[in-house]
Amino acid sequence: MVQNWKENTFEKVYEIVARIPRGRVTTYGQIARMIENPRLSRAVGYALNKSPQGLPCHRVVNREGRLAAVFEHDGIHEQRILLEEEGVEFTSDGRVVMKEYMWFGE
């Protein structure tokens, strides 16, 4: 039963992440709200760590627009490069300009 819950949750997370438009980002917490359980932001991060190849996980950041140190092979640097290639801009302290690039699932 626990395994089914986890699999279903992960699938919901993957479906949402696949919909994030190029050049936009969302947060772990926003994804948790979209799967109707706002307390699962850490579980969203865990799901992304186990995600299938090709999912645009680089478009998920924390609530402050900070990047994930555990992202792929080169962590923050690789995630930032991918986002910059999509036109996402950063503040001087390395955070995504959330007012401009946040996607709420619309």
N, C-alpha and C. Protein backbone atom coordinates (compact mmCIF):
# COMPACT_ATOMS: atom_id res chain seq x y z
N MET A 1 0.82 -1.19 0.00
CA MET A 1 0.00 0.00 0.00
C MET A 1 0.87 1.26 0.00
N VAL A 2 1.91 1.30 0.82
CA VAL A 2 2.80 2.45 0.87
C VAL A 2 3.49 2.64 -0.48
N GLN A 3 3.90 1.55 -1.09
CA GLN A 3 4.56 1.62 -2.40
C GLN A 3 3.64 2.23 -3.45
N ASN A 4 2.36 1.84 -3.46
CA ASN A 4 1.41 2.41 -4.42
C ASN A 4 1.25 3.91 -4.21
N TRP A 5 1.16 4.35 -2.95
CA TRP A 5 1.04 5.78 -2.66
C TRP A 5 2.24 6.53 -3.22
N LYS A 6 3.43 5.99 -2.97
CA LYS A 6 4.65 6.64 -3.43
C LYS A 6 4.69 6.68 -4.96
N GLU A 7 4.38 5.57 -5.60
CA GLU A 7 4.38 5.53 -7.07
C GLU A 7 3.38 6.52 -7.64
N ASN A 8 2.19 6.58 -7.09
CA ASN A 8 1.17 7.51 -7.57
C ASN A 8 1.61 8.96 -7.38
N THR A 9 2.20 9.26 -6.23
CA THR A 9 2.68 10.61 -5.96
C THR A 9 3.79 10.98 -6.93
N PHE A 10 4.73 10.08 -7.13
CA PHE A 10 5.83 10.35 -8.05
C PHE A 10 5.30 10.60 -9.46
N GLU A 11 4.34 9.81 -9.90
CA GLU A 11 3.77 9.99 -11.24
C GLU A 11 3.10 11.35 -11.37
N LYS A 12 2.39 11.78 -10.34
CA LYS A 12 1.75 13.10 -10.37
C LYS A 12 2.81 14.20 -10.47
N VAL A 13 3.89 14.05 -9.71
CA VAL A 13 4.99 15.02 -9.75
C VAL A 13 5.57 15.07 -11.16
N TYR A 14 5.83 13.92 -11.75
CA TYR A 14 6.43 13.87 -13.08
C TYR A 14 5.52 14.50 -14.13
N GLU A 15 4.22 14.27 -14.01
CA GLU A 15 3.27 14.86 -14.95
C GLU A 15 3.31 16.39 -14.89
N ILE A 16 3.40 16.92 -13.69
CA ILE A 16 3.46 18.38 -13.52
C ILE A 16 4.77 18.94 -14.06
N VAL A 17 5.87 18.31 -13.70
CA VAL A 17 7.19 18.80 -14.14
C VAL A 17 7.28 18.78 -15.66
N ALA A 18 6.70 17.78 -16.28
CA ALA A 18 6.72 17.69 -17.75
C ALA A 18 5.98 18.85 -18.40
N ARG A 19 5.06 19.48 -17.69
CA ARG A 19 4.27 20.59 -18.22
C ARG A 19 4.90 21.97 -18.02
N ILE A 20 5.96 22.06 -17.21
CA ILE A 20 6.58 23.38 -16.96
C ILE A 20 7.13 23.89 -18.29
N PRO A 21 6.67 25.06 -18.71
CA PRO A 21 7.13 25.58 -20.01
C PRO A 21 8.61 25.95 -20.00
N ARG A 22 9.18 25.86 -21.16
CA ARG A 22 10.57 26.29 -21.37
C ARG A 22 10.68 27.76 -20.95
N GLY A 23 11.74 28.09 -20.21
CA GLY A 23 11.97 29.46 -19.78
C GLY A 23 11.19 29.86 -18.54
N ARG A 24 10.59 28.91 -17.88
CA ARG A 24 9.84 29.17 -16.64
C ARG A 24 10.33 28.18 -15.58
N VAL A 25 10.09 28.50 -14.32
CA VAL A 25 10.43 27.62 -13.20
C VAL A 25 9.23 27.52 -12.27
N THR A 26 9.26 26.51 -11.44
CA THR A 26 8.31 26.41 -10.35
C THR A 26 9.06 25.89 -9.13
N THR A 27 8.38 25.80 -8.01
CA THR A 27 9.04 25.38 -6.77
C THR A 27 8.56 24.01 -6.32
N TYR A 28 9.33 23.41 -5.44
CA TYR A 28 8.94 22.13 -4.87
C TYR A 28 7.59 22.28 -4.16
N GLY A 29 7.44 23.38 -3.44
CA GLY A 29 6.19 23.63 -2.71
C GLY A 29 5.01 23.82 -3.63
N GLN A 30 5.20 24.51 -4.75
CA GLN A 30 4.11 24.71 -5.70
C GLN A 30 3.67 23.37 -6.29
N ILE A 31 4.62 22.52 -6.60
CA ILE A 31 4.26 21.19 -7.11
C ILE A 31 3.49 20.43 -6.04
N ALA A 32 3.93 20.51 -4.79
CA ALA A 32 3.22 19.83 -3.70
C ALA A 32 1.79 20.35 -3.60
N ARG A 33 1.59 21.66 -3.73
CA ARG A 33 0.24 22.21 -3.71
C ARG A 33 -0.59 21.71 -4.90
N MET A 34 0.05 21.58 -6.04
CA MET A 34 -0.65 21.13 -7.24
C MET A 34 -1.08 19.66 -7.14
N ILE A 35 -0.35 18.87 -6.34
CA ILE A 35 -0.79 17.48 -6.13
C ILE A 35 -1.66 17.38 -4.88
N GLU A 36 -2.07 18.55 -4.40
CA GLU A 36 -3.03 18.69 -3.31
C GLU A 36 -2.53 18.17 -1.97
N ASN A 37 -1.22 18.33 -1.74
CA ASN A 37 -0.67 18.02 -0.43
C ASN A 37 0.53 18.93 -0.18
N PRO A 38 0.27 20.17 0.29
CA PRO A 38 1.33 21.16 0.42
C PRO A 38 2.45 20.79 1.38
N ARG A 39 2.29 19.73 2.13
CA ARG A 39 3.33 19.32 3.07
C ARG A 39 4.35 18.38 2.43
N LEU A 40 4.20 18.09 1.15
CA LEU A 40 5.06 17.10 0.50
C LEU A 40 6.20 17.69 -0.33
N SER A 41 6.62 18.92 -0.05
CA SER A 41 7.67 19.51 -0.88
C SER A 41 8.97 18.69 -0.83
N ARG A 42 9.29 18.11 0.30
CA ARG A 42 10.50 17.26 0.37
C ARG A 42 10.32 16.00 -0.44
N ALA A 43 9.12 15.45 -0.44
CA ALA A 43 8.83 14.26 -1.24
C ALA A 43 8.94 14.59 -2.73
N VAL A 44 8.57 15.81 -3.11
CA VAL A 44 8.72 16.24 -4.50
C VAL A 44 10.20 16.21 -4.87
N GLY A 45 11.04 16.74 -4.00
CA GLY A 45 12.49 16.71 -4.25
C GLY A 45 13.01 15.30 -4.38
N TYR A 46 12.53 14.41 -3.54
CA TYR A 46 12.96 13.01 -3.60
C TYR A 46 12.51 12.38 -4.92
N ALA A 47 11.27 12.67 -5.33
CA ALA A 47 10.75 12.13 -6.59
C ALA A 47 11.61 12.61 -7.75
N LEU A 48 12.00 13.88 -7.73
CA LEU A 48 12.81 14.42 -8.82
C LEU A 48 14.19 13.79 -8.85
N ASN A 49 14.70 13.45 -7.68
CA ASN A 49 16.00 12.78 -7.60
C ASN A 49 15.93 11.40 -8.27
N LYS A 50 14.75 10.81 -8.28
CA LYS A 50 14.55 9.47 -8.86
C LYS A 50 13.86 9.53 -10.22
N SER A 51 13.78 10.72 -10.81
CA SER A 51 12.97 10.91 -12.01
C SER A 51 13.55 10.24 -13.25
N PRO A 52 12.68 9.97 -14.21
CA PRO A 52 13.13 9.36 -15.47
C PRO A 52 13.94 10.35 -16.29
N GLN A 53 14.81 9.83 -17.13
CA GLN A 53 15.64 10.64 -18.02
C GLN A 53 14.76 11.52 -18.91
N GLY A 54 15.19 12.74 -19.14
CA GLY A 54 14.50 13.62 -20.07
C GLY A 54 13.47 14.54 -19.44
N LEU A 55 13.17 14.36 -18.18
CA LEU A 55 12.22 15.23 -17.50
C LEU A 55 12.93 16.56 -17.20
N PRO A 56 12.29 17.72 -17.42
CA PRO A 56 12.98 19.00 -17.22
C PRO A 56 13.05 19.41 -15.74
N CYS A 57 13.71 18.59 -14.94
CA CYS A 57 13.84 18.84 -13.50
C CYS A 57 14.60 20.13 -13.20
N HIS A 58 15.40 20.59 -14.15
CA HIS A 58 16.17 21.83 -13.93
C HIS A 58 15.24 23.02 -13.76
N ARG A 59 13.97 22.88 -14.10
CA ARG A 59 13.01 23.97 -13.98
C ARG A 59 12.36 24.04 -12.60
N VAL A 60 12.83 23.24 -11.66
CA VAL A 60 12.28 23.25 -10.30
C VAL A 60 13.35 23.81 -9.36
N VAL A 61 12.96 24.84 -8.61
CA VAL A 61 13.88 25.52 -7.69
C VAL A 61 13.21 25.62 -6.31
N ASN A 62 13.94 26.09 -5.32
CA ASN A 62 13.29 26.23 -4.01
C ASN A 62 12.48 27.53 -3.97
N ARG A 63 11.77 27.75 -2.89
CA ARG A 63 10.83 28.89 -2.81
C ARG A 63 11.51 30.24 -2.92
N GLU A 64 12.81 30.29 -2.67
CA GLU A 64 13.56 31.54 -2.79
C GLU A 64 14.21 31.70 -4.16
N GLY A 65 13.97 30.74 -5.05
CA GLY A 65 14.60 30.79 -6.37
C GLY A 65 16.00 30.24 -6.40
N ARG A 66 16.39 29.58 -5.32
CA ARG A 66 17.74 29.01 -5.26
C ARG A 66 17.77 27.66 -5.99
N LEU A 67 18.93 27.34 -6.51
CA LEU A 67 19.11 26.12 -7.28
C LEU A 67 19.50 24.95 -6.39
N ALA A 68 19.43 23.75 -6.95
CA ALA A 68 19.68 22.52 -6.19
C ALA A 68 21.13 22.09 -6.30
N ALA A 69 21.82 22.04 -5.18
CA ALA A 69 23.22 21.61 -5.16
C ALA A 69 23.38 20.17 -5.63
N VAL A 70 22.32 19.38 -5.50
CA VAL A 70 22.39 17.96 -5.89
C VAL A 70 21.93 17.72 -7.32
N PHE A 71 21.71 18.77 -8.08
CA PHE A 71 21.22 18.61 -9.44
C PHE A 71 22.27 17.96 -10.33
N GLU A 72 21.88 16.85 -10.95
CA GLU A 72 22.71 16.15 -11.95
C GLU A 72 24.17 16.04 -11.53
N HIS A 73 25.07 16.15 -12.49
CA HIS A 73 26.50 15.90 -12.24
C HIS A 73 27.23 17.11 -11.67
N ASP A 74 26.86 18.29 -12.14
CA ASP A 74 27.60 19.49 -11.74
C ASP A 74 26.74 20.43 -10.90
N GLY A 75 25.69 19.89 -10.29
CA GLY A 75 24.87 20.64 -9.36
C GLY A 75 24.35 21.97 -9.86
N ILE A 76 24.50 22.98 -9.02
CA ILE A 76 23.99 24.31 -9.28
C ILE A 76 24.48 24.85 -10.62
N HIS A 77 25.73 24.60 -10.95
CA HIS A 77 26.29 25.16 -12.18
C HIS A 77 25.57 24.60 -13.41
N GLU A 78 25.34 23.31 -13.43
CA GLU A 78 24.65 22.70 -14.57
C GLU A 78 23.20 23.18 -14.66
N GLN A 79 22.52 23.25 -13.51
CA GLN A 79 21.14 23.71 -13.51
C GLN A 79 21.06 25.15 -14.01
N ARG A 80 21.96 25.99 -13.56
CA ARG A 80 21.94 27.40 -13.99
C ARG A 80 22.19 27.52 -15.49
N ILE A 81 23.13 26.77 -16.00
CA ILE A 81 23.41 26.81 -17.45
C ILE A 81 22.16 26.43 -18.24
N LEU A 82 21.49 25.36 -17.83
CA LEU A 82 20.28 24.92 -18.54
C LEU A 82 19.21 26.00 -18.50
N LEU A 83 19.02 26.63 -17.35
CA LEU A 83 18.00 27.68 -17.23
C LEU A 83 18.38 28.91 -18.04
N GLU A 84 19.65 29.29 -18.00
CA GLU A 84 20.09 30.45 -18.77
C GLU A 84 19.92 30.21 -20.28
N GLU A 85 20.14 28.98 -20.72
CA GLU A 85 19.93 28.64 -22.13
C GLU A 85 18.47 28.84 -22.54
N GLU A 86 17.56 28.77 -21.56
CA GLU A 86 16.14 28.97 -21.82
C GLU A 86 15.72 30.42 -21.62
N GLY A 87 16.67 31.28 -21.26
CA GLY A 87 16.38 32.69 -21.09
C GLY A 87 16.02 33.13 -19.68
N VAL A 88 16.14 32.23 -18.71
CA VAL A 88 15.83 32.57 -17.32
C VAL A 88 16.95 33.46 -16.77
N GLU A 89 16.56 34.53 -16.07
CA GLU A 89 17.53 35.47 -15.51
C GLU A 89 17.68 35.26 -14.01
N PHE A 90 18.84 35.67 -13.51
CA PHE A 90 19.19 35.47 -12.11
C PHE A 90 19.52 36.80 -11.44
N THR A 91 19.33 36.84 -10.13
CA THR A 91 19.72 38.00 -9.34
C THR A 91 21.23 37.95 -9.14
N SER A 92 21.78 39.02 -8.59
CA SER A 92 23.23 39.08 -8.38
C SER A 92 23.72 38.03 -7.39
N ASP A 93 22.82 37.53 -6.52
CA ASP A 93 23.23 36.49 -5.57
C ASP A 93 22.87 35.08 -6.05
N GLY A 94 22.55 34.94 -7.34
CA GLY A 94 22.39 33.62 -7.93
C GLY A 94 21.02 32.98 -7.84
N ARG A 95 20.00 33.77 -7.51
CA ARG A 95 18.64 33.22 -7.44
C ARG A 95 17.87 33.58 -8.71
N VAL A 96 16.93 32.71 -9.07
CA VAL A 96 16.06 33.00 -10.21
C VAL A 96 15.20 34.21 -9.87
N VAL A 97 14.97 35.06 -10.85
CA VAL A 97 14.06 36.21 -10.67
C VAL A 97 12.64 35.64 -10.70
N MET A 98 12.14 35.29 -9.52
CA MET A 98 10.88 34.55 -9.40
C MET A 98 9.68 35.35 -9.90
N LYS A 99 9.66 36.66 -9.69
CA LYS A 99 8.53 37.48 -10.15
C LYS A 99 8.34 37.35 -11.66
N GLU A 100 9.42 37.15 -12.35
CA GLU A 100 9.38 37.12 -13.81
C GLU A 100 9.17 35.71 -14.37
N TYR A 101 9.71 34.68 -13.69
CA TYR A 101 9.78 33.35 -14.30
C TYR A 101 8.98 32.26 -13.59
N MET A 102 8.32 32.58 -12.50
CA MET A 102 7.54 31.58 -11.75
C MET A 102 6.34 31.11 -12.55
N TRP A 103 6.17 29.79 -12.61
CA TRP A 103 5.03 29.15 -13.26
C TRP A 103 4.14 28.55 -12.17
N PHE A 104 2.87 28.88 -12.19
CA PHE A 104 1.93 28.40 -11.17
C PHE A 104 1.05 27.27 -11.67
N GLY A 105 1.32 26.78 -12.87
CA GLY A 105 0.55 25.67 -13.38
C GLY A 105 -0.58 26.10 -14.30
N GLU A 106 -0.56 27.34 -14.70
CA GLU A 106 -1.63 27.83 -15.57
C GLU A 106 -1.51 27.24 -16.97
